[in-house]
Amino acid sequence: ANIINKVQKPTLVLAHNKTLAGQLYSEFKEFFPHNNVEYFVSYYDYYQPESYIPQSDTYIEKDSSINDEIDKLRHSATLSLFETRDVIIVASVSCIYGIGNPEDFHTNTINIRSGDLLSRKKLLYDLVDILYTRTEKDLSPATFRVVGDTVDVMPPYSEIAYRIMFFDDEIEALFSIDPATGQRIERLDRVRICPAKLYISE
């Protein structure tokens, strides 16, 4: 922590397992309450690779269980790397495995400002291109909903959603909203929407 404080650079802290990473994550959040301290570990609660047992001629299919909360934290860590310099990421060694090209991830990020000229149709196509799913029901992570000239988007890395309001081909207003109630929280000048998956290609 003292070294991180002295060098003042984005930092990756590697731990050899999730338990130690979780402990370090809590401690670094206490040491650096004003920094973006993030957590990046494997999102599998359970993973069984496919296998074959020749003695019994048995094939075992691949099986896995993904922890949605850890997946959200992985997205948050990735976003922080693009948005700030005061980021500390506590990770397990699984972070060394490829999650896609950072340039592809950055290129596929949608940046919107209030007053921008952008057609609603193009925004919808762009959201589908970065793997968001359209819904007519309640918002859930990595979904968007369209009601008239309003598009609500729920990123996979956030507790809040964004409301994008159009007037013809212009962004009239941007708001953060409660995804459950649709109630406005804050008026925004800009919104950054990152891809729904960490692995994305052109």
Protein backbone atom coordinates (compact mmCIF):
# COMPACT_ATOMS: atom_id res chain seq x y z
CA ALA A 1 0.00 0.00 0.00
CA ASN A 2 2.88 2.36 0.77
CA ILE A 3 4.48 1.66 -2.62
CA ILE A 4 1.17 2.26 -4.43
CA ASN A 5 0.80 5.56 -2.57
CA LYS A 6 4.31 6.63 -3.61
CA VAL A 7 4.25 5.67 -7.32
CA GLN A 8 0.70 7.01 -7.99
CA LYS A 9 0.06 4.68 -10.94
CA PRO A 10 -2.67 2.17 -11.85
CA THR A 11 -1.80 -1.00 -9.94
CA LEU A 12 -2.49 -4.71 -10.28
CA VAL A 13 -2.18 -6.76 -7.08
CA LEU A 14 -2.06 -10.52 -7.75
CA ALA A 15 -3.08 -13.15 -5.21
CA HIS A 16 -2.81 -16.90 -5.73
CA ASN A 17 -6.45 -17.64 -4.83
CA LYS A 18 -9.89 -16.01 -4.51
CA THR A 19 -9.92 -16.10 -0.71
CA LEU A 20 -6.71 -14.12 -0.36
CA ALA A 21 -7.78 -11.78 -3.19
CA GLY A 22 -11.05 -11.09 -1.36
CA GLN A 23 -9.19 -10.30 1.87
CA LEU A 24 -6.75 -7.98 0.08
CA TYR A 25 -9.61 -6.28 -1.77
CA SER A 26 -11.28 -5.40 1.55
CA GLU A 27 -8.01 -4.15 3.03
CA PHE A 28 -7.07 -2.00 0.03
CA LYS A 29 -10.56 -0.44 0.04
CA GLU A 30 -9.85 0.66 3.62
CA PHE A 31 -6.34 1.91 2.79
CA PHE A 32 -7.54 3.84 -0.29
CA PRO A 33 -11.13 5.00 0.37
CA HIS A 34 -10.97 7.64 -2.40
CA ASN A 35 -9.49 5.39 -5.11
CA ASN A 36 -11.23 2.99 -7.46
CA VAL A 37 -10.33 -0.30 -5.80
CA GLU A 38 -11.63 -3.15 -7.96
CA TYR A 39 -11.88 -6.95 -7.78
CA PHE A 40 -11.11 -9.23 -10.73
CA VAL A 41 -11.24 -12.99 -10.25
CA SER A 42 -12.67 -15.95 -12.14
CA TYR A 43 -16.46 -15.72 -12.27
CA TYR A 44 -16.95 -19.50 -12.06
CA ASP A 45 -18.44 -20.82 -8.83
CA TYR A 46 -18.07 -24.27 -10.35
CA TYR A 47 -16.28 -25.50 -13.46
CA GLN A 48 -16.06 -29.07 -14.77
CA PRO A 49 -14.11 -29.41 -18.03
CA GLU A 50 -15.24 -31.98 -20.56
CA SER A 51 -13.53 -35.33 -20.15
CA TYR A 52 -13.54 -38.93 -21.28
CA ILE A 53 -12.98 -42.05 -19.16
CA PRO A 54 -11.80 -44.81 -21.54
CA GLN A 55 -12.20 -47.65 -19.01
CA SER A 56 -15.97 -47.18 -18.91
CA ASP A 57 -16.36 -45.42 -22.29
CA THR A 58 -17.90 -42.48 -20.44
CA TYR A 59 -18.03 -38.95 -21.81
CA ILE A 60 -18.56 -36.15 -19.28
CA GLU A 61 -19.85 -32.88 -20.70
CA LYS A 62 -18.44 -29.52 -19.69
CA ASP A 63 -20.45 -27.94 -16.89
CA SER A 64 -20.10 -24.62 -15.13
CA SER A 65 -21.86 -22.12 -12.91
CA ILE A 66 -21.15 -18.39 -13.30
CA ASN A 67 -21.42 -15.97 -10.38
CA ASP A 68 -23.24 -12.88 -11.71
CA GLU A 69 -22.01 -10.63 -8.91
CA ILE A 70 -18.36 -11.46 -9.65
CA ASP A 71 -19.02 -10.92 -13.37
CA LYS A 72 -20.34 -7.44 -12.51
CA LEU A 73 -17.18 -6.70 -10.50
CA ARG A 74 -15.01 -7.83 -13.46
CA HIS A 75 -16.85 -5.38 -15.73
CA SER A 76 -16.44 -2.60 -13.19
CA ALA A 77 -12.68 -3.24 -12.99
CA THR A 78 -12.34 -3.13 -16.77
CA LEU A 79 -14.32 0.11 -17.02
CA SER A 80 -12.20 1.74 -14.29
CA LEU A 81 -9.04 1.07 -16.28
CA PHE A 82 -10.45 3.13 -19.16
CA GLU A 83 -11.89 5.95 -17.06
CA THR A 84 -9.42 6.75 -14.26
CA ARG A 85 -5.77 6.63 -13.24
CA ASP A 86 -6.38 6.06 -9.51
CA VAL A 87 -7.32 2.42 -9.99
CA ILE A 88 -6.11 -0.53 -7.91
CA ILE A 89 -7.21 -3.96 -9.12
CA VAL A 90 -6.92 -6.92 -6.78
CA ALA A 91 -6.97 -10.11 -8.84
CA SER A 92 -6.36 -13.81 -8.66
CA VAL A 93 -3.88 -15.41 -11.06
CA SER A 94 -6.77 -16.28 -13.40
CA CYS A 95 -6.59 -12.68 -14.68
CA ILE A 96 -3.59 -13.67 -16.80
CA TYR A 97 -5.88 -15.60 -19.14
CA GLY A 98 -7.13 -13.70 -22.20
CA ILE A 99 -10.41 -11.84 -21.95
CA GLY A 100 -10.22 -10.25 -25.36
CA ASN A 101 -8.35 -7.36 -26.91
CA PRO A 102 -8.54 -4.13 -24.83
CA GLU A 103 -8.54 -2.09 -28.04
CA ASP A 104 -11.62 -3.97 -29.33
CA PHE A 105 -13.35 -3.41 -25.99
CA HIS A 106 -12.53 0.31 -26.05
CA THR A 107 -13.50 0.70 -29.74
CA ASN A 108 -16.88 -0.88 -29.07
CA THR A 109 -17.69 1.44 -26.17
CA ILE A 110 -20.57 3.84 -26.86
CA ASN A 111 -19.95 7.41 -25.67
CA ILE A 112 -22.97 9.73 -25.67
CA ARG A 113 -23.27 13.38 -24.69
CA SER A 114 -26.38 15.43 -24.22
CA GLY A 115 -26.98 17.39 -27.44
CA ASP A 116 -25.18 14.84 -29.67
CA LEU A 117 -26.66 14.14 -33.09
CA LEU A 118 -27.46 10.43 -33.13
CA SER A 119 -30.44 8.55 -34.49
CA ARG A 120 -32.33 6.28 -32.14
CA LYS A 121 -32.16 3.50 -34.74
CA LYS A 122 -28.34 3.67 -34.89
CA LEU A 123 -28.09 3.54 -31.10
CA LEU A 124 -30.27 0.40 -31.03
CA TYR A 125 -28.09 -1.27 -33.68
CA ASP A 126 -24.96 -0.26 -31.76
CA LEU A 127 -26.32 -1.75 -28.53
CA VAL A 128 -27.07 -5.06 -30.25
CA ASP A 129 -23.58 -5.01 -31.80
CA ILE A 130 -22.00 -4.83 -28.34
CA LEU A 131 -24.15 -7.76 -27.17
CA TYR A 132 -26.99 -6.06 -25.30
CA THR A 133 -30.43 -7.71 -25.49
CA ARG A 134 -33.68 -5.85 -26.06
CA THR A 135 -36.41 -6.47 -23.51
CA GLU A 136 -40.01 -5.39 -23.13
CA LYS A 137 -39.99 -6.26 -19.43
CA ASP A 138 -37.95 -5.11 -16.43
CA LEU A 139 -34.35 -4.14 -17.02
CA SER A 140 -31.65 -6.61 -16.05
CA PRO A 141 -27.88 -6.41 -16.62
CA ALA A 142 -26.89 -6.12 -20.31
CA THR A 143 -30.42 -5.29 -21.54
CA PHE A 144 -32.14 -2.25 -23.02
CA ARG A 145 -35.77 -1.20 -23.34
CA VAL A 146 -37.39 1.15 -25.86
CA VAL A 147 -40.50 3.21 -25.15
CA GLY A 148 -41.23 5.79 -27.86
CA ASP A 149 -38.32 8.24 -28.06
CA THR A 150 -36.77 6.94 -24.85
CA VAL A 151 -34.15 4.19 -24.55
CA ASP A 152 -33.28 2.73 -21.12
CA VAL A 153 -30.00 0.81 -20.87
CA MET A 154 -28.81 -1.37 -17.97
CA PRO A 155 -25.05 -2.01 -18.10
CA PRO A 156 -23.73 -5.28 -16.64
CA TYR A 157 -21.34 -3.40 -14.32
CA SER A 158 -23.71 -1.00 -12.56
CA GLU A 159 -26.55 -0.87 -10.03
CA ILE A 160 -28.16 1.96 -11.98
CA ALA A 161 -29.48 2.23 -15.53
CA TYR A 162 -29.32 5.07 -18.04
CA ARG A 163 -32.23 6.83 -19.73
CA ILE A 164 -31.48 8.31 -23.14
CA MET A 165 -34.17 10.68 -24.42
CA PHE A 166 -34.34 11.64 -28.08
CA PHE A 167 -35.86 14.55 -29.96
CA ASP A 168 -35.70 13.56 -33.64
CA ASP A 169 -32.02 12.64 -34.20
CA GLU A 170 -30.67 14.53 -31.20
CA ILE A 171 -29.94 13.39 -27.65
CA GLU A 172 -32.29 15.66 -25.74
CA ALA A 173 -31.47 14.49 -22.19
CA LEU A 174 -29.55 11.83 -20.26
CA PHE A 175 -30.46 10.53 -16.81
CA SER A 176 -29.36 7.85 -14.39
CA ILE A 177 -32.43 5.92 -13.23
CA ASP A 178 -33.45 3.22 -10.79
CA PRO A 179 -33.77 0.11 -13.00
CA ALA A 180 -36.58 -1.32 -10.85
CA THR A 181 -38.81 1.74 -10.66
CA GLY A 182 -37.63 3.86 -13.60
CA GLN A 183 -37.38 6.86 -11.26
CA ARG A 184 -34.80 9.47 -12.28
CA ILE A 185 -31.78 9.79 -10.00
CA GLU A 186 -29.59 12.42 -11.66
CA ARG A 187 -29.35 14.38 -14.90
CA LEU A 188 -26.11 13.57 -16.73
CA ASP A 189 -23.97 15.37 -19.31
CA ARG A 190 -22.51 12.18 -20.75
CA VAL A 191 -22.88 8.41 -20.61
CA ARG A 192 -20.35 5.69 -21.41
CA ILE A 193 -21.82 2.27 -22.28
CA CYS A 194 -19.27 -0.53 -22.39
CA PRO A 195 -19.82 -3.88 -24.14
CA ALA A 196 -21.98 -6.44 -22.38
CA LYS A 197 -19.20 -9.02 -22.54
CA LEU A 198 -15.50 -8.61 -21.77
CA TYR A 199 -14.60 -10.65 -24.84
CA ILE A 200 -15.74 -8.80 -27.93
CA SER A 201 -14.22 -8.49 -31.41
CA GLU A 202 -14.68 -6.24 -34.40
